[in-house]
Amino acid sequence: MADKKTNFNKPAIGLEQQLDLLIQRGLVVPDRAKALHYLRHIGYYRLSGYGLPFQKRGLALPPHTFQDGVQFDTLLDLCIFDRELRLLAMDAIERIEVAARAAISNTLSERYGPHWYLDKGLFLRNRQHTKFLDEVKSQTRFQAQDGSVQHKKRETFIQHYFRKYHRPELPPSWMVAEILSIGTWSAVYSNLANRSDKKAICDPFPLSPRTFQSWLHAIAYLRNLCAHHSRLWNRRFTITPEVPKEYQQYMNPNTTFYAHAAMLHILMNVIAPDSRWRHRLLELLQQHPDAPAAKMGFPEDWWKDTFWDIG
């Protein structure tokens, strides 16, 4: 039976009290002024979240008691490391996102013409197709809610299309591709009715259409986590990539960041084979030895595996 709910009645406390609470729980704070500075600019709730794996467990202990010797700087370093990890992940995601939407747009434009996305017959679910068209109209500033056209808020190339062309009423696929998110393109791919279209789109990648669809969804989720500054270190992902048999060694369990890093590495090998992304991942982990890679699913000496080709 679930615990009985109660009312939230925790009061907000000031910075000095926040720091005193951390010290009371056993966190070592050599420099109080420095700690107060970062509490002010990072926030107690966010910073203390990095301390959860370093707390003791036991019914006889007060809640959130830190293990002996845990330093404030350890939590701060984890926060800095996590920010750099998000930036590194976004670097790969950007290239993958551009490549994925180019593959979708190019393949379907060649098969069905520049405005293929207007044809609801290419899609499985009409409601989802209608939602997609609404998103296109929103992002192209096709028409505001009050009925006015928002010319000044449009991208220059979108504005050019509306000025020069009367029909079709929306821009061609390659223009639309530039303004929609990977999440939207993931939904478009999953809604395609023809499996041969899906197969042709993912043909440059070493994946089946089903796996490619799953990975697009997982990448869109990972991108949203990065964009909203969410924690990647020590996270158990709830939206996860499908694991093909040939990659089970590197992606099981698929709830870890290590599995997601392997996924990004596989795709980067196709899109940018000369990239040093995997080397930068290793360098980042080496620069932050107090950020345990095992908490993200990384095996010991993972970089020595030929899969990563780091040397």
Protein backbone atom coordinates (compact mmCIF):
# COMPACT_ATOMS: atom_id res chain seq x y z
CA MET A 1 0.00 0.00 0.00
CA ALA A 2 1.30 3.45 -0.91
CA ASP A 3 2.27 5.82 1.88
CA LYS A 4 -0.46 8.21 2.90
CA LYS A 5 0.02 11.63 1.35
CA THR A 6 0.43 14.72 3.47
CA ASN A 7 0.69 18.45 2.93
CA PHE A 8 4.01 20.03 1.91
CA ASN A 9 5.08 22.36 4.70
CA LYS A 10 8.82 22.82 4.32
CA PRO A 11 9.75 26.51 4.67
CA ALA A 12 12.16 28.27 2.33
CA ILE A 13 15.45 29.06 4.02
CA GLY A 14 18.23 31.54 3.24
CA LEU A 15 21.70 30.84 1.89
CA GLU A 16 23.40 30.84 5.29
CA GLN A 17 20.87 28.34 6.63
CA GLN A 18 21.22 26.20 3.52
CA LEU A 19 24.96 25.96 4.02
CA ASP A 20 24.58 25.30 7.75
CA LEU A 21 22.22 22.43 6.91
CA LEU A 22 24.77 20.86 4.56
CA ILE A 23 27.49 21.19 7.22
CA GLN A 24 25.16 19.75 9.85
CA ARG A 25 24.68 16.74 7.57
CA GLY A 26 28.42 16.16 7.45
CA LEU A 27 29.57 17.96 4.27
CA VAL A 28 33.09 19.37 4.65
CA VAL A 29 33.16 23.08 3.74
CA PRO A 30 36.69 24.58 4.03
CA ASP A 31 35.75 27.88 2.38
CA ARG A 32 32.41 29.23 3.55
CA ALA A 33 32.44 32.31 1.29
CA LYS A 34 33.11 30.18 -1.80
CA ALA A 35 30.34 27.76 -0.85
CA LEU A 36 27.85 30.60 -0.35
CA HIS A 37 28.80 32.04 -3.76
CA TYR A 38 28.00 28.80 -5.56
CA LEU A 39 24.86 28.14 -3.56
CA ARG A 40 23.66 31.57 -4.68
CA HIS A 41 24.40 30.98 -8.37
CA ILE A 42 23.71 27.24 -8.69
CA GLY A 43 21.05 26.67 -6.06
CA TYR A 44 20.87 24.41 -3.04
CA TYR A 45 18.48 21.87 -4.55
CA ARG A 46 20.52 21.41 -7.72
CA LEU A 47 23.90 21.25 -5.99
CA SER A 48 22.79 18.95 -3.18
CA GLY A 49 21.39 16.52 -5.76
CA TYR A 50 24.96 15.66 -6.75
CA GLY A 51 25.60 14.63 -3.17
CA LEU A 52 22.97 11.88 -2.99
CA PRO A 53 25.36 9.04 -3.97
CA PHE A 54 27.74 10.19 -1.22
CA GLN A 55 25.25 9.88 1.63
CA LYS A 56 25.05 7.15 4.23
CA ARG A 57 22.20 4.68 4.36
CA GLY A 58 20.78 3.43 7.63
CA LEU A 59 17.59 3.63 9.65
CA ALA A 60 19.45 4.90 12.70
CA LEU A 61 20.99 7.83 10.80
CA PRO A 62 19.44 11.24 10.22
CA PRO A 63 18.31 11.60 6.58
CA HIS A 64 20.84 12.89 4.02
CA THR A 65 23.87 12.30 6.24
CA PHE A 66 27.07 12.51 4.18
CA GLN A 67 29.77 9.88 4.24
CA ASP A 68 32.89 10.86 6.15
CA GLY A 69 35.14 13.37 4.41
CA VAL A 70 32.88 14.35 1.50
CA GLN A 71 33.93 17.83 0.37
CA PHE A 72 31.81 20.70 -0.96
CA ASP A 73 34.28 20.92 -3.86
CA THR A 74 33.43 17.34 -4.83
CA LEU A 75 29.80 18.33 -5.39
CA LEU A 76 30.88 21.46 -7.23
CA ASP A 77 33.25 19.50 -9.48
CA LEU A 78 30.45 17.05 -10.31
CA CYS A 79 28.20 19.96 -11.27
CA ILE A 80 30.91 21.42 -13.52
CA PHE A 81 31.68 18.02 -15.02
CA ASP A 82 28.00 17.42 -15.75
CA ARG A 83 27.70 20.76 -17.53
CA GLU A 84 30.71 19.93 -19.72
CA LEU A 85 29.27 16.47 -20.39
CA ARG A 86 25.99 18.00 -21.59
CA LEU A 87 27.90 20.32 -23.92
CA LEU A 88 29.87 17.39 -25.31
CA ALA A 89 26.70 15.35 -25.80
CA MET A 90 25.05 18.29 -27.55
CA ASP A 91 28.00 18.56 -29.93
CA ALA A 92 27.30 15.02 -31.16
CA ILE A 93 23.53 15.44 -31.05
CA GLU A 94 23.70 18.55 -33.25
CA ARG A 95 25.48 16.65 -36.02
CA ILE A 96 23.21 13.64 -35.69
CA GLU A 97 20.10 15.83 -35.72
CA VAL A 98 21.20 17.63 -38.88
CA ALA A 99 22.07 14.33 -40.58
CA ALA A 100 18.78 12.69 -39.59
CA ARG A 101 16.57 15.48 -40.82
CA ALA A 102 18.59 15.72 -44.05
CA ALA A 103 18.13 11.98 -44.60
CA ILE A 104 14.38 12.24 -44.07
CA SER A 105 13.93 15.37 -46.18
CA ASN A 106 16.22 14.31 -49.04
CA THR A 107 14.84 10.77 -49.34
CA LEU A 108 11.17 11.71 -49.28
CA SER A 109 11.64 14.82 -51.46
CA GLU A 110 13.26 12.69 -54.15
CA ARG A 111 10.50 10.09 -53.92
CA TYR A 112 7.43 12.30 -53.59
CA GLY A 113 8.44 15.90 -54.35
CA PRO A 114 9.44 18.92 -52.25
CA HIS A 115 6.11 19.10 -50.42
CA TRP A 116 5.76 15.40 -49.57
CA TYR A 117 4.91 16.22 -45.97
CA LEU A 118 1.56 17.71 -47.04
CA ASP A 119 0.36 14.31 -48.31
CA LYS A 120 -1.46 12.61 -45.45
CA GLY A 121 -1.47 9.40 -47.46
CA LEU A 122 2.21 8.92 -46.59
CA PHE A 123 1.44 8.70 -42.89
CA LEU A 124 -0.13 6.14 -40.58
CA ARG A 125 -2.08 8.38 -38.24
CA ASN A 126 -4.01 11.39 -39.54
CA ARG A 127 -4.18 13.06 -36.14
CA GLN A 128 -0.41 12.98 -35.75
CA HIS A 129 0.02 14.29 -39.30
CA THR A 130 -2.34 17.17 -38.54
CA LYS A 131 -0.35 17.92 -35.39
CA PHE A 132 2.83 17.98 -37.48
CA LEU A 133 1.33 20.44 -39.97
CA ASP A 134 0.23 22.65 -37.08
CA GLU A 135 3.85 22.63 -35.85
CA VAL A 136 5.11 23.59 -39.33
CA LYS A 137 2.64 26.47 -39.48
CA SER A 138 3.64 27.60 -35.99
CA GLN A 139 7.38 27.51 -36.68
CA THR A 140 7.06 29.23 -40.08
CA ARG A 141 4.86 31.91 -38.47
CA PHE A 142 2.26 31.01 -41.07
CA GLN A 143 -0.44 32.75 -39.12
CA ALA A 144 -0.73 34.10 -35.60
CA GLN A 145 -3.62 33.24 -33.30
CA ASP A 146 -5.18 36.62 -33.96
CA GLY A 147 -5.11 35.95 -37.71
CA SER A 148 -2.20 38.28 -38.48
CA VAL A 149 0.93 37.15 -40.29
CA GLN A 150 4.08 37.60 -38.22
CA HIS A 151 6.52 38.63 -40.94
CA LYS A 152 9.25 40.02 -38.70
CA LYS A 153 9.57 36.83 -36.63
CA ARG A 154 10.22 34.56 -39.61
CA GLU A 155 13.57 33.17 -40.66
CA THR A 156 14.87 35.04 -43.73
CA PHE A 157 14.57 32.04 -46.06
CA ILE A 158 11.01 31.38 -44.87
CA GLN A 159 10.10 35.01 -45.43
CA HIS A 160 11.55 34.78 -48.94
CA TYR A 161 9.33 31.80 -49.77
CA PHE A 162 6.14 33.52 -48.59
CA ARG A 163 7.01 36.68 -50.51
CA LYS A 164 7.80 34.92 -53.77
CA TYR A 165 5.43 31.94 -53.90
CA HIS A 166 1.69 31.67 -53.64
CA ARG A 167 1.26 27.87 -53.86
CA PRO A 168 1.85 25.56 -52.08
CA GLU A 169 1.06 27.67 -49.07
CA LEU A 170 3.91 26.21 -46.99
CA PRO A 171 7.65 26.03 -47.83
CA PRO A 172 9.36 22.92 -49.26
CA SER A 173 10.70 20.16 -47.06
CA TRP A 174 14.33 21.32 -47.04
CA MET A 175 13.32 24.70 -45.63
CA VAL A 176 11.01 23.16 -43.07
CA ALA A 177 13.82 20.80 -42.03
CA GLU A 178 15.85 23.78 -40.81
CA ILE A 179 13.31 24.98 -38.27
CA LEU A 180 11.87 21.83 -36.70
CA SER A 181 13.34 19.93 -33.76
CA ILE A 182 14.73 16.40 -33.71
CA GLY A 183 11.72 15.45 -31.60
CA THR A 184 9.38 16.53 -34.38
CA TRP A 185 11.38 14.65 -37.03
CA SER A 186 11.44 11.58 -34.79
CA ALA A 187 7.64 11.69 -34.68
CA VAL A 188 7.48 12.14 -38.46
CA TYR A 189 9.69 9.10 -39.05
CA SER A 190 7.67 6.92 -36.67
CA ASN A 191 4.45 7.96 -38.44
CA LEU A 192 5.57 7.05 -41.97
CA ALA A 193 3.29 4.41 -43.45
CA ASN A 194 5.68 2.85 -45.98
CA ARG A 195 8.42 0.67 -44.52
CA SER A 196 10.47 1.05 -47.69
CA ASP A 197 10.57 4.80 -47.04
CA LYS A 198 11.85 4.18 -43.53
CA LYS A 199 14.44 1.73 -44.79
CA ALA A 200 15.70 4.13 -47.47
CA ILE A 201 16.05 6.92 -44.89
CA CYS A 202 18.11 4.85 -42.44
CA ASP A 203 20.10 3.07 -45.16
CA PRO A 204 23.30 5.14 -44.56
CA PHE A 205 23.26 4.05 -40.91
CA PRO A 206 24.04 0.51 -39.65
CA LEU A 207 20.56 0.16 -38.18
CA SER A 208 17.19 -1.35 -38.95
CA PRO A 209 14.23 1.04 -39.36
CA ARG A 210 12.91 -0.07 -35.98
CA THR A 211 16.23 0.63 -34.23
CA PHE A 212 16.71 3.92 -36.07
CA GLN A 213 13.25 5.01 -34.93
CA SER A 214 14.05 4.07 -31.35
CA TRP A 215 17.38 5.90 -31.44
CA LEU A 216 15.83 9.07 -32.83
CA HIS A 217 13.37 9.04 -29.95
CA ALA A 218 16.13 8.45 -27.38
CA ILE A 219 18.29 11.21 -28.89
CA ALA A 220 15.39 13.66 -28.82
CA TYR A 221 14.93 12.88 -25.12
CA LEU A 222 18.66 13.22 -24.43
CA ARG A 223 18.69 16.54 -26.28
CA ASN A 224 15.84 17.82 -24.14
CA LEU A 225 17.68 16.82 -20.99
CA CYS A 226 20.75 18.71 -22.15
CA ALA A 227 18.77 21.75 -23.29
CA HIS A 228 17.05 21.98 -19.90
CA HIS A 229 20.34 21.54 -18.00
CA SER A 230 19.22 18.26 -16.43
CA ARG A 231 21.69 15.94 -14.75
CA LEU A 232 23.32 13.25 -16.91
CA TRP A 233 25.75 11.94 -14.31
CA ASN A 234 24.25 9.12 -12.23
CA ARG A 235 20.97 9.29 -14.19
CA ARG A 236 18.86 6.28 -15.05
CA PHE A 237 17.24 7.14 -18.36
CA THR A 238 13.52 6.48 -18.75
CA ILE A 239 13.42 6.77 -22.54
CA THR A 240 16.04 4.36 -23.83
CA PRO A 241 17.45 3.23 -27.19
CA GLU A 242 16.74 -0.23 -28.53
CA VAL A 243 19.84 -2.43 -28.35
CA PRO A 244 20.76 -4.38 -31.52
CA LYS A 245 22.45 -7.73 -30.95
CA GLU A 246 25.79 -6.52 -32.28
CA TYR A 247 25.95 -3.73 -29.70
CA GLN A 248 24.65 -5.53 -26.61
CA GLN A 249 28.09 -5.50 -25.00
CA TYR A 250 28.13 -1.71 -25.03
CA MET A 251 24.48 -0.79 -24.55
CA ASN A 252 23.22 -3.15 -21.86
CA PRO A 253 21.79 -1.89 -19.65
CA ASN A 254 20.45 0.82 -21.94
CA THR A 255 19.37 3.04 -19.04
CA THR A 256 22.89 4.41 -18.49
CA PHE A 257 24.72 7.33 -20.06
CA TYR A 258 27.37 4.86 -21.23
CA ALA A 259 24.77 3.21 -23.47
CA HIS A 260 23.79 6.62 -24.84
CA ALA A 261 27.44 7.55 -25.39
CA ALA A 262 27.90 4.31 -27.35
CA MET A 263 24.83 5.18 -29.43
CA LEU A 264 26.21 8.65 -30.20
CA HIS A 265 29.61 7.15 -31.03
CA ILE A 266 28.09 4.64 -33.49
CA LEU A 267 26.21 7.38 -35.33
CA MET A 268 29.15 9.78 -35.26
CA ASN A 269 31.29 7.10 -36.91
CA VAL A 270 28.93 7.33 -39.89
CA ILE A 271 28.37 11.08 -39.94
CA ALA A 272 31.81 12.37 -38.94
CA PRO A 273 34.27 9.43 -38.98
CA ASP A 274 37.26 11.73 -38.42
CA SER A 275 35.73 13.37 -35.36
CA ARG A 276 37.62 13.31 -32.06
CA TRP A 277 34.38 13.21 -30.08
CA ARG A 278 35.22 9.90 -28.39
CA HIS A 279 38.67 11.21 -27.47
CA ARG A 280 37.13 14.31 -25.93
CA LEU A 281 34.82 12.08 -23.91
CA LEU A 282 37.82 10.23 -22.48
CA GLU A 283 39.66 13.49 -21.83
CA LEU A 284 36.67 14.92 -19.97
CA LEU A 285 36.44 11.89 -17.70
CA GLN A 286 40.18 12.01 -17.04
CA GLN A 287 39.98 15.70 -16.14
CA HIS A 288 37.36 14.94 -13.47
CA PRO A 289 38.55 11.87 -11.54
CA ASP A 290 36.16 12.72 -8.70
CA ALA A 291 33.20 12.15 -11.06
CA PRO A 292 32.97 8.34 -10.91
CA ALA A 293 32.40 7.08 -14.44
CA ALA A 294 30.99 3.86 -13.01
CA LYS A 295 27.97 5.88 -11.86
CA MET A 296 27.18 6.36 -15.56
CA GLY A 297 27.71 2.73 -16.50
CA PHE A 298 31.25 3.03 -17.87
CA PRO A 299 33.23 -0.21 -17.41
CA GLU A 300 36.77 -0.06 -16.12
CA ASP A 301 39.25 0.72 -18.92
CA TRP A 302 36.36 1.10 -21.35
CA TRP A 303 38.45 3.19 -23.77
CA LYS A 304 40.79 0.26 -24.44
CA ASP A 305 38.05 -1.66 -26.24
CA THR A 306 38.44 -1.61 -30.03
CA PHE A 307 34.82 -0.51 -30.28
CA TRP A 308 35.90 2.99 -29.25
CA ASP A 309 39.00 3.04 -31.46
CA ILE A 310 40.81 5.47 -29.20
CA GLY A 311 44.15 3.70 -29.10
